[in-house]
Amino acid sequence: ERAMAQEGVLEGFSCGLSICIGLVRSGSLAGHETWSRRFALDAAAPTYSYADASEDSRMGYENRFIFSTDPALRAISGN
């Protein structure tokens, strides 16, 4: 939420022991890129791997993301 400021709204967020997932909506691609960049640079919220999928929807720009909070899990991959 700190990284999003006015650029997005956190619609959903959940964490397990070492993986977190979430959904953010923003009004534009530029808004998404702004909060995403802030999140990546936030030293107080370390992430060890990160993947996301974004799309333009009727309700704004939607971004689903997943990241690791465990230094032993430094890669996320999928089909």
PDB file of N, CA and C in Angstrom:
ATOM      1  N   GLU A   1       0.823  -1.197   0.000  1.00  0.00           N
ATOM      2  CA  GLU A   1       0.000   0.000   0.000  1.00  0.00           C
ATOM      3  C   GLU A   1       0.863   1.254   0.000  1.00  0.00           C
ATOM      4  N   ARG A   2       1.975   1.205   0.679  1.00  0.00           N
ATOM      5  CA  ARG A   2       2.902   2.333   0.718  1.00  0.00           C
ATOM      6  C   ARG A   2       3.393   2.667  -0.695  1.00  0.00           C
ATOM      7  N   ALA A   3       3.685   1.660  -1.482  1.00  0.00           N
ATOM      8  CA  ALA A   3       4.189   1.876  -2.842  1.00  0.00           C
ATOM      9  C   ALA A   3       3.099   2.387  -3.786  1.00  0.00           C
ATOM     10  N   MET A   4       1.852   2.027  -3.536  1.00  0.00           N
ATOM     11  CA  MET A   4       0.777   2.421  -4.438  1.00  0.00           C
ATOM     12  C   MET A   4       0.424   3.894  -4.360  1.00  0.00           C
ATOM     13  N   ALA A   5       0.492   4.503  -3.164  1.00  0.00           N
ATOM     14  CA  ALA A   5       0.104   5.908  -2.970  1.00  0.00           C
ATOM     15  C   ALA A   5      -1.248   6.132  -3.645  1.00  0.00           C
ATOM     16  N   GLN A   6      -1.318   7.037  -4.587  1.00  0.00           N
ATOM     17  CA  GLN A   6      -2.565   7.322  -5.305  1.00  0.00           C
ATOM     18  C   GLN A   6      -2.645   6.580  -6.645  1.00  0.00           C
ATOM     19  N   GLU A   7      -1.657   5.749  -6.959  1.00  0.00           N
ATOM     20  CA  GLU A   7      -1.591   5.112  -8.274  1.00  0.00           C
ATOM     21  C   GLU A   7      -2.405   3.832  -8.393  1.00  0.00           C
ATOM     22  N   GLY A   8      -2.912   3.290  -7.292  1.00  0.00           N
ATOM     23  CA  GLY A   8      -3.647   2.040  -7.381  1.00  0.00           C
ATOM     24  C   GLY A   8      -4.408   1.723  -6.119  1.00  0.00           C
ATOM     25  N   VAL A   9      -5.250   0.693  -6.227  1.00  0.00           N
ATOM     26  CA  VAL A   9      -6.047   0.220  -5.105  1.00  0.00           C
ATOM     27  C   VAL A   9      -5.783  -1.273  -4.944  1.00  0.00           C
ATOM     28  N   LEU A  10      -5.436  -1.681  -3.755  1.00  0.00           N
ATOM     29  CA  LEU A  10      -5.203  -3.096  -3.476  1.00  0.00           C
ATOM     30  C   LEU A  10      -6.549  -3.781  -3.321  1.00  0.00           C
ATOM     31  N   GLU A  11      -6.894  -4.666  -4.259  1.00  0.00           N
ATOM     32  CA  GLU A  11      -8.176  -5.370  -4.252  1.00  0.00           C
ATOM     33  C   GLU A  11      -8.107  -6.668  -3.460  1.00  0.00           C
ATOM     34  N   GLY A  12      -6.950  -7.293  -3.425  1.00  0.00           N
ATOM     35  CA  GLY A  12      -6.789  -8.551  -2.710  1.00  0.00           C
ATOM     36  C   GLY A  12      -5.328  -8.813  -2.443  1.00  0.00           C
ATOM     37  N   PHE A  13      -5.065  -9.437  -1.298  1.00  0.00           N
ATOM     38  CA  PHE A  13      -3.678  -9.725  -0.939  1.00  0.00           C
ATOM     39  C   PHE A  13      -3.674 -10.856   0.079  1.00  0.00           C
ATOM     40  N   SER A  14      -2.798 -11.834  -0.116  1.00  0.00           N
ATOM     41  CA  SER A  14      -2.699 -12.952   0.806  1.00  0.00           C
ATOM     42  C   SER A  14      -1.271 -13.478   0.808  1.00  0.00           C
ATOM     43  N   CYS A  15      -0.805 -13.896   1.990  1.00  0.00           N
ATOM     44  CA  CYS A  15       0.544 -14.440   2.111  1.00  0.00           C
ATOM     45  C   CYS A  15       0.520 -15.792   2.815  1.00  0.00           C
ATOM     46  N   GLY A  16       1.403 -16.661   2.372  1.00  0.00           N
ATOM     47  CA  GLY A  16       1.670 -17.908   3.056  1.00  0.00           C
ATOM     48  C   GLY A  16       2.988 -17.765   3.793  1.00  0.00           C
ATOM     49  N   LEU A  17       3.672 -18.867   4.002  1.00  0.00           N
ATOM     50  CA  LEU A  17       4.940 -18.815   4.721  1.00  0.00           C
ATOM     51  C   LEU A  17       6.047 -18.121   3.938  1.00  0.00           C
ATOM     52  N   SER A  18       6.020 -18.243   2.602  1.00  0.00           N
ATOM     53  CA  SER A  18       7.109 -17.648   1.826  1.00  0.00           C
ATOM     54  C   SER A  18       6.670 -17.029   0.501  1.00  0.00           C
ATOM     55  N   ILE A  19       5.389 -17.093   0.174  1.00  0.00           N
ATOM     56  CA  ILE A  19       4.874 -16.547  -1.080  1.00  0.00           C
ATOM     57  C   ILE A  19       3.675 -15.648  -0.778  1.00  0.00           C
ATOM     58  N   CYS A  20       3.613 -14.504  -1.447  1.00  0.00           N
ATOM     59  CA  CYS A  20       2.467 -13.597  -1.348  1.00  0.00           C
ATOM     60  C   CYS A  20       1.882 -13.395  -2.744  1.00  0.00           C
ATOM     61  N   ILE A  21       0.548 -13.242  -2.809  1.00  0.00           N
ATOM     62  CA  ILE A  21      -0.131 -12.961  -4.072  1.00  0.00           C
ATOM     63  C   ILE A  21      -1.086 -11.801  -3.855  1.00  0.00           C
ATOM     64  N   GLY A  22      -1.393 -11.098  -4.935  1.00  0.00           N
ATOM     65  CA  GLY A  22      -2.313  -9.990  -4.796  1.00  0.00           C
ATOM     66  C   GLY A  22      -2.864  -9.515  -6.119  1.00  0.00           C
ATOM     67  N   LEU A  23      -3.821  -8.593  -6.007  1.00  0.00           N
ATOM     68  CA  LEU A  23      -4.460  -7.965  -7.152  1.00  0.00           C
ATOM     69  C   LEU A  23      -4.551  -6.476  -6.884  1.00  0.00           C
ATOM     70  N   VAL A  24      -4.048  -5.681  -7.827  1.00  0.00           N
ATOM     71  CA  VAL A  24      -4.087  -4.221  -7.731  1.00  0.00           C
ATOM     72  C   VAL A  24      -4.795  -3.684  -8.967  1.00  0.00           C
ATOM     73  N   ARG A  25      -5.631  -2.689  -8.773  1.00  0.00           N
ATOM     74  CA  ARG A  25      -6.248  -1.979  -9.890  1.00  0.00           C
ATOM     75  C   ARG A  25      -5.727  -0.546  -9.904  1.00  0.00           C
ATOM     76  N   SER A  26      -5.414  -0.077 -11.094  1.00  0.00           N
ATOM     77  CA  SER A  26      -5.013   1.321 -11.253  1.00  0.00           C
ATOM     78  C   SER A  26      -5.736   1.869 -12.467  1.00  0.00           C
ATOM     79  N   GLY A  27      -5.769   3.175 -12.575  1.00  0.00           N
ATOM     80  CA  GLY A  27      -6.508   3.808 -13.661  1.00  0.00           C
ATOM     81  C   GLY A  27      -5.817   3.756 -15.007  1.00  0.00           C
ATOM     82  N   SER A  28      -4.513   3.491 -15.012  1.00  0.00           N
ATOM     83  CA  SER A  28      -3.771   3.531 -16.274  1.00  0.00           C
ATOM     84  C   SER A  28      -2.518   2.671 -16.193  1.00  0.00           C
ATOM     85  N   LEU A  29      -1.933   2.426 -17.339  1.00  0.00           N
ATOM     86  CA  LEU A  29      -0.658   1.712 -17.396  1.00  0.00           C
ATOM     87  C   LEU A  29       0.419   2.524 -16.690  1.00  0.00           C
ATOM     88  N   ALA A  30       0.400   3.840 -16.853  1.00  0.00           N
ATOM     89  CA  ALA A  30       1.395   4.697 -16.192  1.00  0.00           C
ATOM     90  C   ALA A  30       1.281   4.592 -14.676  1.00  0.00           C
ATOM     91  N   GLY A  31       0.062   4.550 -14.147  1.00  0.00           N
ATOM     92  CA  GLY A  31      -0.143   4.386 -12.711  1.00  0.00           C
ATOM     93  C   GLY A  31       0.397   3.064 -12.222  1.00  0.00           C
ATOM     94  N   HIS A  32       0.156   2.007 -12.993  1.00  0.00           N
ATOM     95  CA  HIS A  32       0.688   0.689 -12.647  1.00  0.00           C
ATOM     96  C   HIS A  32       2.208   0.711 -12.613  1.00  0.00           C
ATOM     97  N   GLU A  33       2.810   1.275 -13.636  1.00  0.00           N
ATOM     98  CA  GLU A  33       4.280   1.297 -13.703  1.00  0.00           C
ATOM     99  C   GLU A  33       4.883   2.100 -12.554  1.00  0.00           C
ATOM    100  N   THR A  34       4.202   3.162 -12.140  1.00  0.00           N
ATOM    101  CA  THR A  34       4.700   3.985 -11.033  1.00  0.00           C
ATOM    102  C   THR A  34       4.720   3.208  -9.733  1.00  0.00           C
ATOM    103  N   TRP A  35       3.601   2.561  -9.375  1.00  0.00           N
ATOM    104  CA  TRP A  35       3.587   1.843  -8.095  1.00  0.00           C
ATOM    105  C   TRP A  35       4.468   0.609  -8.158  1.00  0.00           C
ATOM    106  N   SER A  36       4.532  -0.043  -9.304  1.00  0.00           N
ATOM    107  CA  SER A  36       5.367  -1.234  -9.445  1.00  0.00           C
ATOM    108  C   SER A  36       6.841  -0.890  -9.241  1.00  0.00           C
ATOM    109  N   ARG A  37       7.271   0.225  -9.787  1.00  0.00           N
ATOM    110  CA  ARG A  37       8.655   0.687  -9.628  1.00  0.00           C
ATOM    111  C   ARG A  37       8.945   1.017  -8.156  1.00  0.00           C
ATOM    112  N   ARG A  38       8.002   1.698  -7.505  1.00  0.00           N
ATOM    113  CA  ARG A  38       8.179   2.014  -6.077  1.00  0.00           C
ATOM    114  C   ARG A  38       8.290   0.741  -5.244  1.00  0.00           C
ATOM    115  N   PHE A  39       7.447  -0.233  -5.545  1.00  0.00           N
ATOM    116  CA  PHE A  39       7.462  -1.498  -4.810  1.00  0.00           C
ATOM    117  C   PHE A  39       8.806  -2.195  -4.966  1.00  0.00           C
ATOM    118  N   ALA A  40       9.321  -2.232  -6.186  1.00  0.00           N
ATOM    119  CA  ALA A  40      10.599  -2.905  -6.453  1.00  0.00           C
ATOM    120  C   ALA A  40      11.756  -2.239  -5.723  1.00  0.00           C
ATOM    121  N   LEU A  41      11.667  -0.936  -5.512  1.00  0.00           N
ATOM    122  CA  LEU A  41      12.759  -0.196  -4.882  1.00  0.00           C
ATOM    123  C   LEU A  41      12.609  -0.045  -3.368  1.00  0.00           C
ATOM    124  N   ASP A  42      11.534  -0.537  -2.791  1.00  0.00           N
ATOM    125  CA  ASP A  42      11.259  -0.369  -1.359  1.00  0.00           C
ATOM    126  C   ASP A  42      12.098  -1.344  -0.538  1.00  0.00           C
ATOM    127  N   ALA A  43      13.159  -0.854   0.080  1.00  0.00           N
ATOM    128  CA  ALA A  43      14.061  -1.705   0.864  1.00  0.00           C
ATOM    129  C   ALA A  43      13.392  -2.256   2.120  1.00  0.00           C
ATOM    130  N   ALA A  44      12.321  -1.617   2.593  1.00  0.00           N
ATOM    131  CA  ALA A  44      11.611  -2.089   3.782  1.00  0.00           C
ATOM    132  C   ALA A  44      10.696  -3.274   3.468  1.00  0.00           C
ATOM    133  N   ALA A  45      10.488  -3.563   2.188  1.00  0.00           N
ATOM    134  CA  ALA A  45       9.649  -4.686   1.780  1.00  0.00           C
ATOM    135  C   ALA A  45      10.428  -5.557   0.800  1.00  0.00           C
ATOM    136  N   PRO A  46      11.440  -6.264   1.295  1.00  0.00           N
ATOM    137  CA  PRO A  46      12.283  -7.038   0.375  1.00  0.00           C
ATOM    138  C   PRO A  46      11.526  -8.174  -0.307  1.00  0.00           C
ATOM    139  N   THR A  47      11.740  -8.304  -1.593  1.00  0.00           N
ATOM    140  CA  THR A  47      11.199  -9.414  -2.361  1.00  0.00           C
ATOM    141  C   THR A  47      12.370 -10.112  -3.038  1.00  0.00           C
ATOM    142  N   TYR A  48      12.303 -11.415  -3.097  1.00  0.00           N
ATOM    143  CA  TYR A  48      13.416 -12.186  -3.643  1.00  0.00           C
ATOM    144  C   TYR A  48      13.134 -12.699  -5.047  1.00  0.00           C
ATOM    145  N   SER A  49      11.898 -12.710  -5.442  1.00  0.00           N
ATOM    146  CA  SER A  49      11.510 -12.956  -6.826  1.00  0.00           C
ATOM    147  C   SER A  49      10.119 -12.372  -6.995  1.00  0.00           C
ATOM    148  N   TYR A  50       9.773 -12.005  -8.217  1.00  0.00           N
ATOM    149  CA  TYR A  50       8.516 -11.316  -8.470  1.00  0.00           C
ATOM    150  C   TYR A  50       8.047 -11.652  -9.872  1.00  0.00           C
ATOM    151  N   ALA A  51       6.761 -11.905 -10.029  1.00  0.00           N
ATOM    152  CA  ALA A  51       6.168 -12.114 -11.347  1.00  0.00           C
ATOM    153  C   ALA A  51       4.801 -11.468 -11.340  1.00  0.00           C
ATOM    154  N   ASP A  52       4.397 -10.935 -12.498  1.00  0.00           N
ATOM    155  CA  ASP A  52       3.064 -10.352 -12.566  1.00  0.00           C
ATOM    156  C   ASP A  52       2.461 -10.537 -13.944  1.00  0.00           C
ATOM    157  N   ALA A  53       1.157 -10.364 -14.002  1.00  0.00           N
ATOM    158  CA  ALA A  53       0.410 -10.387 -15.253  1.00  0.00           C
ATOM    159  C   ALA A  53      -0.551  -9.211 -15.202  1.00  0.00           C
ATOM    160  N   SER A  54      -0.589  -8.451 -16.273  1.00  0.00           N
ATOM    161  CA  SER A  54      -1.400  -7.240 -16.297  1.00  0.00           C
ATOM    162  C   SER A  54      -2.309  -7.241 -17.501  1.00  0.00           C
ATOM    163  N   GLU A  55      -3.474  -6.588 -17.347  1.00  0.00           N
ATOM    164  CA  GLU A  55      -4.369  -6.427 -18.473  1.00  0.00           C
ATOM    165  C   GLU A  55      -5.276  -5.230 -18.259  1.00  0.00           C
ATOM    166  N   ASP A  56      -5.742  -4.686 -19.356  1.00  0.00           N
ATOM    167  CA  ASP A  56      -6.687  -3.584 -19.339  1.00  0.00           C
ATOM    168  C   ASP A  56      -8.076  -4.201 -19.183  1.00  0.00           C
ATOM    169  N   SER A  57      -8.835  -3.773 -18.178  1.00  0.00           N
ATOM    170  CA  SER A  57     -10.174  -4.324 -17.974  1.00  0.00           C
ATOM    171  C   SER A  57     -11.186  -3.185 -17.954  1.00  0.00           C
ATOM    172  N   ARG A  58     -12.456  -3.536 -17.885  1.00  0.00           N
ATOM    173  CA  ARG A  58     -13.517  -2.519 -17.842  1.00  0.00           C
ATOM    174  C   ARG A  58     -13.393  -1.626 -16.610  1.00  0.00           C
ATOM    175  N   MET A  59     -12.782  -2.132 -15.563  1.00  0.00           N
ATOM    176  CA  MET A  59     -12.692  -1.404 -14.294  1.00  0.00           C
ATOM    177  C   MET A  59     -11.324  -0.733 -14.109  1.00  0.00           C
ATOM    178  N   GLY A  60     -10.552  -0.593 -15.165  1.00  0.00           N
ATOM    179  CA  GLY A  60      -9.221   0.004 -15.074  1.00  0.00           C
ATOM    180  C   GLY A  60      -8.148  -1.011 -15.401  1.00  0.00           C
ATOM    181  N   TYR A  61      -6.947  -0.686 -15.081  1.00  0.00           N
ATOM    182  CA  TYR A  61      -5.805  -1.545 -15.354  1.00  0.00           C
ATOM    183  C   TYR A  61      -5.647  -2.528 -14.197  1.00  0.00           C
ATOM    184  N   GLU A  62      -5.638  -3.822 -14.489  1.00  0.00           N
ATOM    185  CA  GLU A  62      -5.586  -4.860 -13.464  1.00  0.00           C
ATOM    186  C   GLU A  62      -4.236  -5.564 -13.481  1.00  0.00           C
ATOM    187  N   ASN A  63      -3.651  -5.717 -12.299  1.00  0.00           N
ATOM    188  CA  ASN A  63      -2.352  -6.375 -12.180  1.00  0.00           C
ATOM    189  C   ASN A  63      -2.420  -7.440 -11.102  1.00  0.00           C
ATOM    190  N   ARG A  64      -2.184  -8.684 -11.483  1.00  0.00           N
ATOM    191  CA  ARG A  64      -2.093  -9.796 -10.524  1.00  0.00           C
ATOM    192  C   ARG A  64      -0.617 -10.096 -10.354  1.00  0.00           C
ATOM    193  N   PHE A  65      -0.198 -10.261  -9.106  1.00  0.00           N
ATOM    194  CA  PHE A  65       1.235 -10.445  -8.860  1.00  0.00           C
ATOM    195  C   PHE A  65       1.474 -11.510  -7.790  1.00  0.00           C
ATOM    196  N   ILE A  66       2.692 -12.030  -7.828  1.00  0.00           N
ATOM    197  CA  ILE A  66       3.146 -13.015  -6.851  1.00  0.00           C
ATOM    198  C   ILE A  66       4.615 -12.711  -6.563  1.00  0.00           C
ATOM    199  N   PHE A  67       4.985 -12.850  -5.295  1.00  0.00           N
ATOM    200  CA  PHE A  67       6.392 -12.646  -4.962  1.00  0.00           C
ATOM    201  C   PHE A  67       6.790 -13.508  -3.774  1.00  0.00           C
ATOM    202  N   SER A  68       8.086 -13.757  -3.682  1.00  0.00           N
ATOM    203  CA  SER A  68       8.658 -14.550  -2.604  1.00  0.00           C
ATOM    204  C   SER A  68       9.201 -13.624  -1.522  1.00  0.00           C
ATOM    205  N   THR A  69       8.990 -14.009  -0.273  1.00  0.00           N
ATOM    206  CA  THR A  69       9.567 -13.287   0.858  1.00  0.00           C
ATOM    207  C   THR A  69      10.695 -14.094   1.487  1.00  0.00           C
ATOM    208  N   ASP A  70      11.070 -15.183   0.831  1.00  0.00           N
ATOM    209  CA  ASP A  70      12.079 -16.110   1.345  1.00  0.00           C
ATOM    210  C   ASP A  70      13.334 -16.035   0.484  1.00  0.00           C
ATOM    211  N   PRO A  71      14.485 -15.703   1.060  1.00  0.00           N
ATOM    212  CA  PRO A  71      15.707 -15.610   0.263  1.00  0.00           C
ATOM    213  C   PRO A  71      16.101 -16.923  -0.403  1.00  0.00           C
ATOM    214  N   ALA A  72      15.576 -18.055   0.056  1.00  0.00           N
ATOM    215  CA  ALA A  72      15.873 -19.346  -0.568  1.00  0.00           C
ATOM    216  C   ALA A  72      15.052 -19.556  -1.850  1.00  0.00           C
ATOM    217  N   LEU A  73      13.999 -18.751  -2.050  1.00  0.00           N
ATOM    218  CA  LEU A  73      13.143 -18.871  -3.237  1.00  0.00           C
ATOM    219  C   LEU A  73      13.367 -17.653  -4.117  1.00  0.00           C
ATOM    220  N   ARG A  74      14.408 -17.704  -4.914  1.00  0.00           N
ATOM    221  CA  ARG A  74      14.804 -16.540  -5.715  1.00  0.00           C
ATOM    222  C   ARG A  74      14.300 -16.592  -7.159  1.00  0.00           C
ATOM    223  N   ALA A  75      13.415 -17.538  -7.479  1.00  0.00           N
ATOM    224  CA  ALA A  75      12.886 -17.613  -8.844  1.00  0.00           C
ATOM    225  C   ALA A  75      11.448 -18.101  -8.814  1.00  0.00           C
ATOM    226  N   ILE A  76      10.621 -17.502  -9.648  1.00  0.00           N
ATOM    227  CA  ILE A  76       9.239 -17.932  -9.827  1.00  0.00           C
ATOM    228  C   ILE A  76       9.077 -18.225 -11.299  1.00  0.00           C
ATOM    229  N   SER A  77       8.575 -19.386 -11.628  1.00  0.00           N
ATOM    230  CA  SER A  77       8.348 -19.734 -13.034  1.00  0.00           C
ATOM    231  C   SER A  77       7.042 -20.486 -13.142  1.00  0.00           C
ATOM    232  N   GLY A  78       6.501 -20.519 -14.319  1.00  0.00           N
ATOM    233  CA  GLY A  78       5.239 -21.211 -14.541  1.00  0.00           C
ATOM    234  C   GLY A  78       4.978 -21.395 -16.018  1.00  0.00           C
ATOM    235  N   ASN A  79       3.968 -22.147 -16.306  1.00  0.00           N
ATOM    236  CA  ASN A  79       3.590 -22.402 -17.707  1.00  0.00           C
ATOM    237  C   ASN A  79       2.415 -21.551 -18.086  1.00  0.00           C
TER     238      ASN A  79
END
